[in-house]
Amino acid sequence: MSEIVNRIANSSIATIDLEEFYPAGDRIVFDLKDYLYMELVLKEMDFRKALKELDWSLYKGKYVAVHCSVDAIVPTWAYMLVTAYLDEVAAAYAVGDKDALEQFLFHEALNKINPDDYVNRPVVVKGCSDVAVPLFAYGEIIRRLKGVAKSIMFGEPCSTVPIYKRSKA
């Protein structure tokens, strides 16, 4: 009887599991709504005083989305001021909602991919994960590898959907 050989494991196929790029840690929202007068207007002096008195240690080591959940006119500098404080304590932050934060975190993580590791190789981007990988990450991996990979597929190495194949010319 012949030995069972795992041809996928022995091939040059590179598998990318985007879930591995998901940074573990707490995600929280800093909502500017809580600092608006009647949830409509930002009063500069009150806002600055509130931020100065805030216990910023609550944000230590966390991933923070800086967002305003109500329809109010918030000056750009207000977001900047909050991020200036967060810069001292947060693991990372992004201006926007939680989805914007996840996109930012994946963008930062995918920046660490070395495209040279995938030159002339078939690449499979895993489709199943326990973490909600933002659609942005799937588009970003294509942008980063399309020019170097031999091909890019989606799914599992044993069952893939072709996405891109470099022409031989």
N, C-alpha and C. Protein backbone atom coordinates (compact mmCIF):
# COMPACT_ATOMS: atom_id res chain seq x y z
N MET A 1 0.85 -1.18 0.00
CA MET A 1 0.00 0.00 0.00
C MET A 1 0.89 1.24 0.00
N SER A 2 0.54 2.23 -0.82
CA SER A 2 1.39 3.41 -0.93
C SER A 2 1.07 4.42 0.17
N GLU A 3 2.09 5.23 0.48
CA GLU A 3 1.97 6.25 1.51
C GLU A 3 1.15 7.42 1.00
N ILE A 4 0.32 8.01 1.86
CA ILE A 4 -0.48 9.18 1.49
C ILE A 4 0.43 10.40 1.57
N VAL A 5 0.45 11.15 0.46
CA VAL A 5 1.31 12.32 0.38
C VAL A 5 0.43 13.57 0.31
N ASN A 6 0.72 14.53 1.15
CA ASN A 6 0.01 15.80 1.14
C ASN A 6 0.69 16.71 0.12
N ARG A 7 0.16 16.71 -1.10
CA ARG A 7 0.78 17.49 -2.17
C ARG A 7 0.64 18.99 -1.93
N ILE A 8 -0.41 19.40 -1.25
CA ILE A 8 -0.60 20.84 -0.97
C ILE A 8 0.49 21.33 -0.03
N ALA A 9 0.77 20.54 1.01
CA ALA A 9 1.80 20.94 1.99
C ALA A 9 3.17 21.00 1.35
N ASN A 10 3.40 20.18 0.33
CA ASN A 10 4.69 20.12 -0.34
C ASN A 10 4.79 21.07 -1.53
N SER A 11 3.76 21.82 -1.81
CA SER A 11 3.78 22.71 -2.98
C SER A 11 4.35 24.08 -2.60
N SER A 12 4.47 24.92 -3.61
CA SER A 12 4.98 26.28 -3.39
C SER A 12 3.87 27.26 -3.06
N ILE A 13 2.65 26.76 -2.87
CA ILE A 13 1.52 27.63 -2.57
C ILE A 13 1.74 28.32 -1.23
N ALA A 14 1.58 29.63 -1.24
CA ALA A 14 1.66 30.41 0.00
C ALA A 14 0.23 30.70 0.46
N THR A 15 -0.06 30.39 1.70
CA THR A 15 -1.39 30.64 2.25
C THR A 15 -1.32 31.86 3.18
N ILE A 16 -2.23 32.79 2.96
CA ILE A 16 -2.32 33.97 3.81
C ILE A 16 -3.64 33.91 4.56
N ASP A 17 -3.54 33.87 5.87
CA ASP A 17 -4.72 33.88 6.72
C ASP A 17 -4.83 35.29 7.31
N LEU A 18 -5.74 36.09 6.77
CA LEU A 18 -5.86 37.48 7.22
C LEU A 18 -6.21 37.58 8.70
N GLU A 19 -6.79 36.54 9.25
CA GLU A 19 -7.11 36.53 10.68
C GLU A 19 -5.83 36.67 11.52
N GLU A 20 -4.72 36.18 11.01
CA GLU A 20 -3.45 36.28 11.74
C GLU A 20 -2.96 37.72 11.86
N PHE A 21 -3.52 38.61 11.06
CA PHE A 21 -3.13 40.02 11.11
C PHE A 21 -4.00 40.82 12.07
N TYR A 22 -4.98 40.17 12.66
CA TYR A 22 -5.90 40.83 13.58
C TYR A 22 -5.20 41.08 14.90
N PRO A 23 -4.97 42.33 15.27
CA PRO A 23 -4.31 42.59 16.55
C PRO A 23 -5.27 42.36 17.72
N ALA A 24 -4.86 41.53 18.63
CA ALA A 24 -5.69 41.25 19.81
C ALA A 24 -5.69 42.47 20.72
N GLY A 25 -6.78 42.68 21.39
CA GLY A 25 -6.88 43.78 22.34
C GLY A 25 -8.26 44.40 22.33
N ASP A 26 -8.53 45.17 23.36
CA ASP A 26 -9.83 45.82 23.50
C ASP A 26 -9.99 46.95 22.51
N ARG A 27 -11.18 47.04 21.96
CA ARG A 27 -11.56 48.15 21.08
C ARG A 27 -12.65 48.95 21.80
N ILE A 28 -12.48 50.25 21.84
CA ILE A 28 -13.49 51.10 22.46
C ILE A 28 -13.68 52.36 21.62
N VAL A 29 -14.82 53.01 21.86
CA VAL A 29 -15.14 54.24 21.13
C VAL A 29 -15.07 55.42 22.09
N PHE A 30 -14.37 56.45 21.67
CA PHE A 30 -14.40 57.74 22.36
C PHE A 30 -15.43 58.55 21.61
N ASP A 31 -16.59 58.76 22.23
CA ASP A 31 -17.70 59.43 21.55
C ASP A 31 -17.72 60.91 21.93
N LEU A 32 -17.50 61.76 20.96
CA LEU A 32 -17.51 63.20 21.19
C LEU A 32 -18.89 63.71 21.61
N LYS A 33 -19.92 62.95 21.34
CA LYS A 33 -21.28 63.34 21.73
C LYS A 33 -21.35 63.67 23.21
N ASP A 34 -20.61 62.93 24.01
CA ASP A 34 -20.64 63.11 25.45
C ASP A 34 -20.04 64.45 25.90
N TYR A 35 -19.41 65.16 25.00
CA TYR A 35 -18.75 66.43 25.33
C TYR A 35 -19.41 67.63 24.65
N LEU A 36 -20.55 67.41 24.04
CA LEU A 36 -21.26 68.47 23.34
C LEU A 36 -22.36 69.05 24.24
N TYR A 37 -22.56 70.32 24.16
CA TYR A 37 -23.64 70.98 24.87
C TYR A 37 -24.95 70.60 24.18
N MET A 38 -25.84 69.95 24.93
CA MET A 38 -27.13 69.48 24.43
C MET A 38 -26.96 68.58 23.20
N GLU A 39 -25.83 67.90 23.12
CA GLU A 39 -25.50 67.00 22.01
C GLU A 39 -25.54 67.70 20.65
N LEU A 40 -25.33 69.02 20.66
CA LEU A 40 -25.39 69.79 19.42
C LEU A 40 -24.15 70.62 19.15
N VAL A 41 -23.62 71.23 20.19
CA VAL A 41 -22.59 72.25 20.03
C VAL A 41 -21.40 71.93 20.90
N LEU A 42 -20.23 72.14 20.36
CA LEU A 42 -19.02 71.98 21.15
C LEU A 42 -18.59 73.35 21.66
N LYS A 43 -18.50 73.46 22.98
CA LYS A 43 -18.02 74.70 23.59
C LYS A 43 -16.54 74.49 23.90
N GLU A 44 -15.70 75.24 23.24
CA GLU A 44 -14.26 75.00 23.30
C GLU A 44 -13.72 74.96 24.73
N MET A 45 -14.02 75.95 25.53
CA MET A 45 -13.46 76.02 26.89
C MET A 45 -13.90 74.81 27.73
N ASP A 46 -15.18 74.48 27.66
CA ASP A 46 -15.70 73.33 28.41
C ASP A 46 -15.07 72.03 27.92
N PHE A 47 -14.93 71.92 26.61
CA PHE A 47 -14.35 70.71 26.02
C PHE A 47 -12.90 70.52 26.45
N ARG A 48 -12.13 71.57 26.36
CA ARG A 48 -10.72 71.49 26.76
C ARG A 48 -10.59 71.14 28.24
N LYS A 49 -11.45 71.73 29.07
CA LYS A 49 -11.41 71.46 30.51
C LYS A 49 -11.77 70.00 30.78
N ALA A 50 -12.80 69.50 30.11
CA ALA A 50 -13.22 68.11 30.30
C ALA A 50 -12.12 67.13 29.89
N LEU A 51 -11.47 67.40 28.78
CA LEU A 51 -10.38 66.51 28.32
C LEU A 51 -9.20 66.55 29.28
N LYS A 52 -8.91 67.73 29.79
CA LYS A 52 -7.80 67.88 30.72
C LYS A 52 -8.05 67.10 32.01
N GLU A 53 -9.30 67.05 32.45
CA GLU A 53 -9.66 66.38 33.70
C GLU A 53 -9.98 64.90 33.52
N LEU A 54 -10.07 64.43 32.28
CA LEU A 54 -10.43 63.04 32.01
C LEU A 54 -9.33 62.07 32.47
N ASP A 55 -9.73 60.94 32.99
CA ASP A 55 -8.77 59.89 33.37
C ASP A 55 -8.41 59.10 32.12
N TRP A 56 -7.35 59.50 31.47
CA TRP A 56 -6.94 58.90 30.20
C TRP A 56 -6.39 57.49 30.38
N SER A 57 -6.12 57.08 31.62
CA SER A 57 -5.63 55.71 31.84
C SER A 57 -6.68 54.67 31.44
N LEU A 58 -7.94 55.08 31.32
CA LEU A 58 -9.00 54.17 30.86
C LEU A 58 -8.72 53.67 29.44
N TYR A 59 -7.92 54.40 28.70
CA TYR A 59 -7.63 54.08 27.30
C TYR A 59 -6.26 53.42 27.12
N LYS A 60 -5.57 53.20 28.22
CA LYS A 60 -4.20 52.66 28.16
C LYS A 60 -4.18 51.28 27.49
N GLY A 61 -3.37 51.18 26.43
CA GLY A 61 -3.18 49.92 25.73
C GLY A 61 -4.36 49.46 24.90
N LYS A 62 -5.36 50.30 24.72
CA LYS A 62 -6.56 49.90 23.97
C LYS A 62 -6.54 50.51 22.58
N TYR A 63 -7.35 49.93 21.71
CA TYR A 63 -7.55 50.46 20.37
C TYR A 63 -8.80 51.33 20.41
N VAL A 64 -8.67 52.58 20.00
CA VAL A 64 -9.74 53.55 20.21
C VAL A 64 -10.21 54.15 18.89
N ALA A 65 -11.52 54.15 18.71
CA ALA A 65 -12.15 54.85 17.59
C ALA A 65 -12.66 56.18 18.14
N VAL A 66 -12.25 57.28 17.53
CA VAL A 66 -12.69 58.61 17.94
C VAL A 66 -13.82 59.01 16.99
N HIS A 67 -15.00 59.16 17.55
CA HIS A 67 -16.20 59.23 16.73
C HIS A 67 -17.21 60.17 17.38
N CYS A 68 -18.11 60.70 16.59
CA CYS A 68 -19.25 61.45 17.14
C CYS A 68 -20.51 60.76 16.62
N SER A 69 -21.30 60.22 17.53
CA SER A 69 -22.45 59.41 17.15
C SER A 69 -23.73 60.20 16.89
N VAL A 70 -23.67 61.52 17.06
CA VAL A 70 -24.85 62.34 16.76
C VAL A 70 -24.53 63.27 15.59
N ASP A 71 -25.58 63.74 14.98
CA ASP A 71 -25.43 64.64 13.84
C ASP A 71 -25.22 66.06 14.36
N ALA A 72 -23.96 66.39 14.57
CA ALA A 72 -23.59 67.71 15.08
C ALA A 72 -22.39 68.21 14.29
N ILE A 73 -22.22 69.50 14.27
CA ILE A 73 -21.05 70.06 13.61
C ILE A 73 -19.93 70.11 14.63
N VAL A 74 -18.95 69.26 14.41
CA VAL A 74 -17.81 69.17 15.32
C VAL A 74 -16.59 69.65 14.54
N PRO A 75 -15.89 70.64 15.05
CA PRO A 75 -14.70 71.12 14.32
C PRO A 75 -13.60 70.06 14.27
N THR A 76 -12.88 70.07 13.22
CA THR A 76 -11.80 69.11 13.01
C THR A 76 -10.80 69.12 14.14
N TRP A 77 -10.49 70.28 14.66
CA TRP A 77 -9.49 70.36 15.72
C TRP A 77 -9.90 69.57 16.96
N ALA A 78 -11.20 69.38 17.17
CA ALA A 78 -11.67 68.62 18.34
C ALA A 78 -11.19 67.17 18.26
N TYR A 79 -11.28 66.59 17.07
CA TYR A 79 -10.78 65.22 16.88
C TYR A 79 -9.26 65.19 17.10
N MET A 80 -8.61 66.20 16.59
CA MET A 80 -7.15 66.27 16.74
C MET A 80 -6.75 66.38 18.21
N LEU A 81 -7.49 67.16 18.96
CA LEU A 81 -7.18 67.33 20.37
C LEU A 81 -7.34 66.02 21.14
N VAL A 82 -8.40 65.29 20.84
CA VAL A 82 -8.61 63.99 21.49
C VAL A 82 -7.47 63.03 21.14
N THR A 83 -7.08 62.99 19.88
CA THR A 83 -6.02 62.07 19.48
C THR A 83 -4.67 62.47 20.08
N ALA A 84 -4.48 63.76 20.34
CA ALA A 84 -3.24 64.19 20.99
C ALA A 84 -3.14 63.59 22.39
N TYR A 85 -4.26 63.51 23.09
CA TYR A 85 -4.27 62.86 24.41
C TYR A 85 -4.12 61.34 24.27
N LEU A 86 -4.84 60.75 23.32
CA LEU A 86 -4.79 59.30 23.14
C LEU A 86 -3.41 58.82 22.72
N ASP A 87 -2.70 59.65 22.00
CA ASP A 87 -1.38 59.27 21.51
C ASP A 87 -0.44 58.87 22.65
N GLU A 88 -0.69 59.39 23.82
CA GLU A 88 0.15 59.10 24.98
C GLU A 88 -0.18 57.76 25.63
N VAL A 89 -1.40 57.23 25.42
CA VAL A 89 -1.82 56.06 26.18
C VAL A 89 -2.36 54.90 25.35
N ALA A 90 -3.03 55.17 24.26
CA ALA A 90 -3.69 54.11 23.48
C ALA A 90 -2.68 53.28 22.70
N ALA A 91 -3.04 52.01 22.48
CA ALA A 91 -2.22 51.15 21.63
C ALA A 91 -2.24 51.69 20.20
N ALA A 92 -3.41 52.14 19.77
CA ALA A 92 -3.59 52.77 18.46
C ALA A 92 -4.96 53.45 18.47
N TYR A 93 -5.15 54.37 17.55
CA TYR A 93 -6.43 55.05 17.45
C TYR A 93 -6.67 55.43 16.01
N ALA A 94 -7.94 55.64 15.70
CA ALA A 94 -8.32 56.12 14.37
C ALA A 94 -9.52 57.04 14.54
N VAL A 95 -9.59 58.05 13.72
CA VAL A 95 -10.76 58.92 13.72
C VAL A 95 -11.79 58.27 12.81
N GLY A 96 -12.93 57.99 13.40
CA GLY A 96 -14.01 57.31 12.69
C GLY A 96 -14.66 56.30 13.61
N ASP A 97 -15.59 55.54 13.06
CA ASP A 97 -16.30 54.56 13.87
C ASP A 97 -15.46 53.29 14.05
N LYS A 98 -16.05 52.26 14.66
CA LYS A 98 -15.29 51.02 14.91
C LYS A 98 -14.84 50.36 13.61
N ASP A 99 -15.65 50.48 12.56
CA ASP A 99 -15.25 49.91 11.27
C ASP A 99 -14.01 50.62 10.73
N ALA A 100 -13.95 51.93 10.88
CA ALA A 100 -12.77 52.68 10.44
C ALA A 100 -11.55 52.27 11.25
N LEU A 101 -11.75 52.01 12.54
CA LEU A 101 -10.65 51.55 13.39
C LEU A 101 -10.13 50.20 12.91
N GLU A 102 -11.03 49.27 12.62
CA GLU A 102 -10.61 47.94 12.14
C GLU A 102 -9.87 48.06 10.81
N GLN A 103 -10.36 48.90 9.94
CA GLN A 103 -9.68 49.10 8.65
C GLN A 103 -8.28 49.64 8.88
N PHE A 104 -8.15 50.62 9.75
CA PHE A 104 -6.84 51.19 10.06
C PHE A 104 -5.90 50.12 10.63
N LEU A 105 -6.40 49.32 11.56
CA LEU A 105 -5.56 48.30 12.19
C LEU A 105 -5.09 47.26 11.17
N PHE A 106 -5.98 46.85 10.28
CA PHE A 106 -5.57 45.89 9.24
C PHE A 106 -4.60 46.54 8.27
N HIS A 107 -4.81 47.79 7.93
CA HIS A 107 -3.89 48.49 7.03
C HIS A 107 -2.48 48.51 7.63
N GLU A 108 -2.40 48.86 8.91
CA GLU A 108 -1.10 48.89 9.58
C GLU A 108 -0.46 47.50 9.60
N ALA A 109 -1.25 46.48 9.88
CA ALA A 109 -0.72 45.12 9.95
C ALA A 109 -0.27 44.62 8.57
N LEU A 110 -1.05 44.93 7.55
CA LEU A 110 -0.70 44.47 6.20
C LEU A 110 0.50 45.21 5.63
N ASN A 111 0.82 46.38 6.19
CA ASN A 111 2.03 47.08 5.78
C ASN A 111 3.29 46.26 6.08
N LYS A 112 3.17 45.32 6.99
CA LYS A 112 4.32 44.50 7.39
C LYS A 112 4.57 43.34 6.43
N ILE A 113 3.66 43.11 5.49
CA ILE A 113 3.86 42.04 4.51
C ILE A 113 5.00 42.43 3.57
N ASN A 114 5.90 41.50 3.35
CA ASN A 114 6.98 41.72 2.40
C ASN A 114 6.57 41.07 1.07
N PRO A 115 6.22 41.86 0.06
CA PRO A 115 5.80 41.29 -1.22
C PRO A 115 6.84 40.36 -1.84
N ASP A 116 8.12 40.58 -1.51
CA ASP A 116 9.16 39.72 -2.07
C ASP A 116 9.01 38.26 -1.64
N ASP A 117 8.32 38.01 -0.53
CA ASP A 117 8.08 36.64 -0.07
C ASP A 117 7.12 35.90 -0.98
N TYR A 118 6.45 36.61 -1.89
CA TYR A 118 5.41 35.99 -2.72
C TYR A 118 5.72 36.07 -4.21
N VAL A 119 6.93 36.44 -4.56
CA VAL A 119 7.32 36.58 -5.96
C VAL A 119 7.18 35.24 -6.68
N ASN A 120 6.42 35.25 -7.78
CA ASN A 120 6.21 34.09 -8.65
C ASN A 120 5.62 32.88 -7.91
N ARG A 121 4.90 33.12 -6.86
CA ARG A 121 4.27 32.03 -6.12
C ARG A 121 2.76 32.11 -6.24
N PRO A 122 2.10 30.97 -6.28
CA PRO A 122 0.64 31.01 -6.15
C PRO A 122 0.28 31.31 -4.69
N VAL A 123 -0.70 32.17 -4.50
CA VAL A 123 -1.10 32.59 -3.16
C VAL A 123 -2.57 32.27 -2.96
N VAL A 124 -2.88 31.69 -1.80
CA VAL A 124 -4.26 31.45 -1.42
C VAL A 124 -4.57 32.33 -0.22
N VAL A 125 -5.59 33.16 -0.35
CA VAL A 125 -6.06 33.97 0.75
C VAL A 125 -7.22 33.21 1.39
N LYS A 126 -7.00 32.78 2.63
CA LYS A 126 -8.01 31.98 3.32
C LYS A 126 -9.31 32.75 3.44
N GLY A 127 -10.40 32.02 3.30
CA GLY A 127 -11.71 32.64 3.34
C GLY A 127 -12.44 32.49 4.66
N CYS A 128 -12.10 31.48 5.45
CA CYS A 128 -12.80 31.25 6.71
C CYS A 128 -11.96 31.77 7.87
N SER A 129 -12.62 32.45 8.79
CA SER A 129 -11.91 32.92 9.97
C SER A 129 -12.89 33.09 11.11
N ASP A 130 -12.36 33.08 12.32
CA ASP A 130 -13.18 33.30 13.51
C ASP A 130 -13.34 34.79 13.81
N VAL A 131 -12.53 35.60 13.16
CA VAL A 131 -12.54 37.04 13.37
C VAL A 131 -13.19 37.69 12.15
N ALA A 132 -13.95 38.74 12.37
CA ALA A 132 -14.56 39.47 11.26
C ALA A 132 -13.49 40.30 10.56
N VAL A 133 -12.99 39.78 9.47
CA VAL A 133 -11.97 40.49 8.68
C VAL A 133 -12.70 41.49 7.78
N PRO A 134 -12.34 42.77 7.86
CA PRO A 134 -13.03 43.75 7.01
C PRO A 134 -12.75 43.52 5.53
N LEU A 135 -13.74 43.81 4.70
CA LEU A 135 -13.57 43.64 3.25
C LEU A 135 -12.36 44.40 2.74
N PHE A 136 -12.07 45.52 3.37
CA PHE A 136 -10.90 46.31 3.01
C PHE A 136 -9.65 45.45 2.93
N ALA A 137 -9.48 44.54 3.89
CA ALA A 137 -8.26 43.73 3.97
C ALA A 137 -8.12 42.82 2.74
N TYR A 138 -9.23 42.32 2.23
CA TYR A 138 -9.16 41.46 1.04
C TYR A 138 -8.75 42.26 -0.19
N GLY A 139 -9.27 43.46 -0.31
CA GLY A 139 -8.84 44.32 -1.42
C GLY A 139 -7.40 44.74 -1.28
N GLU A 140 -6.98 45.01 -0.06
CA GLU A 140 -5.61 45.47 0.20
C GLU A 140 -4.60 44.37 -0.12
N ILE A 141 -4.91 43.14 0.20
CA ILE A 141 -3.97 42.04 -0.08
C ILE A 141 -3.80 41.86 -1.59
N ILE A 142 -4.87 42.08 -2.35
CA ILE A 142 -4.77 42.03 -3.81
C ILE A 142 -3.85 43.15 -4.30
N ARG A 143 -4.08 44.35 -3.80
CA ARG A 143 -3.26 45.50 -4.22
C ARG A 143 -1.79 45.26 -3.95
N ARG A 144 -1.48 44.64 -2.83
CA ARG A 144 -0.09 44.45 -2.44
C ARG A 144 0.60 43.31 -3.21
N LEU A 145 -0.17 42.30 -3.61
CA LEU A 145 0.47 41.11 -4.18
C LEU A 145 0.22 40.90 -5.67
N LYS A 146 -0.70 41.62 -6.26
CA LYS A 146 -1.05 41.38 -7.66
C LYS A 146 0.15 41.51 -8.60
N GLY A 147 1.01 42.43 -8.36
CA GLY A 147 2.15 42.62 -9.25
C GLY A 147 3.27 41.62 -9.09
N VAL A 148 3.27 40.85 -8.01
CA VAL A 148 4.39 39.94 -7.76
C VAL A 148 4.00 38.47 -7.76
N ALA A 149 2.81 38.15 -7.28
CA ALA A 149 2.40 36.75 -7.17
C ALA A 149 2.10 36.18 -8.55
N LYS A 150 2.33 34.89 -8.69
CA LYS A 150 2.01 34.18 -9.93
C LYS A 150 0.49 34.13 -10.11
N SER A 151 -0.20 33.85 -9.00
CA SER A 151 -1.65 33.82 -9.01
C SER A 151 -2.15 34.08 -7.60
N ILE A 152 -3.40 34.52 -7.52
CA ILE A 152 -4.03 34.74 -6.22
C ILE A 152 -5.39 34.07 -6.27
N MET A 153 -5.63 33.26 -5.25
CA MET A 153 -6.89 32.53 -5.15
C MET A 153 -7.52 32.80 -3.79
N PHE A 154 -8.81 32.54 -3.69
CA PHE A 154 -9.54 32.74 -2.44
C PHE A 154 -10.13 31.40 -2.01
N GLY A 155 -10.03 31.11 -0.72
CA GLY A 155 -10.63 29.89 -0.18
C GLY A 155 -9.64 29.12 0.66
N GLU A 156 -9.62 27.83 0.46
CA GLU A 156 -8.67 26.93 1.14
C GLU A 156 -7.82 26.27 0.05
N PRO A 157 -6.58 25.88 0.37
CA PRO A 157 -5.72 25.31 -0.67
C PRO A 157 -6.35 24.13 -1.43
N CYS A 158 -7.25 23.39 -0.79
CA CYS A 158 -7.87 22.24 -1.46
C CYS A 158 -9.08 22.63 -2.30
N SER A 159 -9.59 23.85 -2.13
CA SER A 159 -10.78 24.30 -2.83
C SER A 159 -10.74 25.82 -2.94
N THR A 160 -10.33 26.32 -4.10
CA THR A 160 -10.14 27.76 -4.24
C THR A 160 -10.95 28.34 -5.38
N VAL A 161 -11.14 29.65 -5.31
CA VAL A 161 -11.75 30.42 -6.39
C VAL A 161 -10.64 31.29 -6.96
N PRO A 162 -10.35 31.16 -8.26
CA PRO A 162 -9.29 32.00 -8.84
C PRO A 162 -9.71 33.47 -8.87
N ILE A 163 -8.77 34.33 -8.47
CA ILE A 163 -9.01 35.77 -8.45
C ILE A 163 -8.15 36.48 -9.50
N TYR A 164 -6.89 36.08 -9.57
CA TYR A 164 -5.96 36.76 -10.45
C TYR A 164 -4.90 35.75 -10.90
N LYS A 165 -4.54 35.85 -12.17
CA LYS A 165 -3.43 35.05 -12.69
C LYS A 165 -2.63 35.96 -13.60
N ARG A 166 -1.33 36.05 -13.29
CA ARG A 166 -0.44 36.92 -14.07
C ARG A 166 -0.28 36.33 -15.47
N SER A 167 -0.35 37.21 -16.49
CA SER A 167 -0.16 36.73 -17.85
C SER A 167 1.30 36.36 -18.07
N LYS A 168 1.53 35.46 -18.98
CA LYS A 168 2.89 34.97 -19.26
C LYS A 168 3.71 35.94 -20.09
N ALA A 169 3.03 36.93 -20.66
CA ALA A 169 3.74 37.89 -21.52
C ALA A 169 4.54 38.87 -20.74
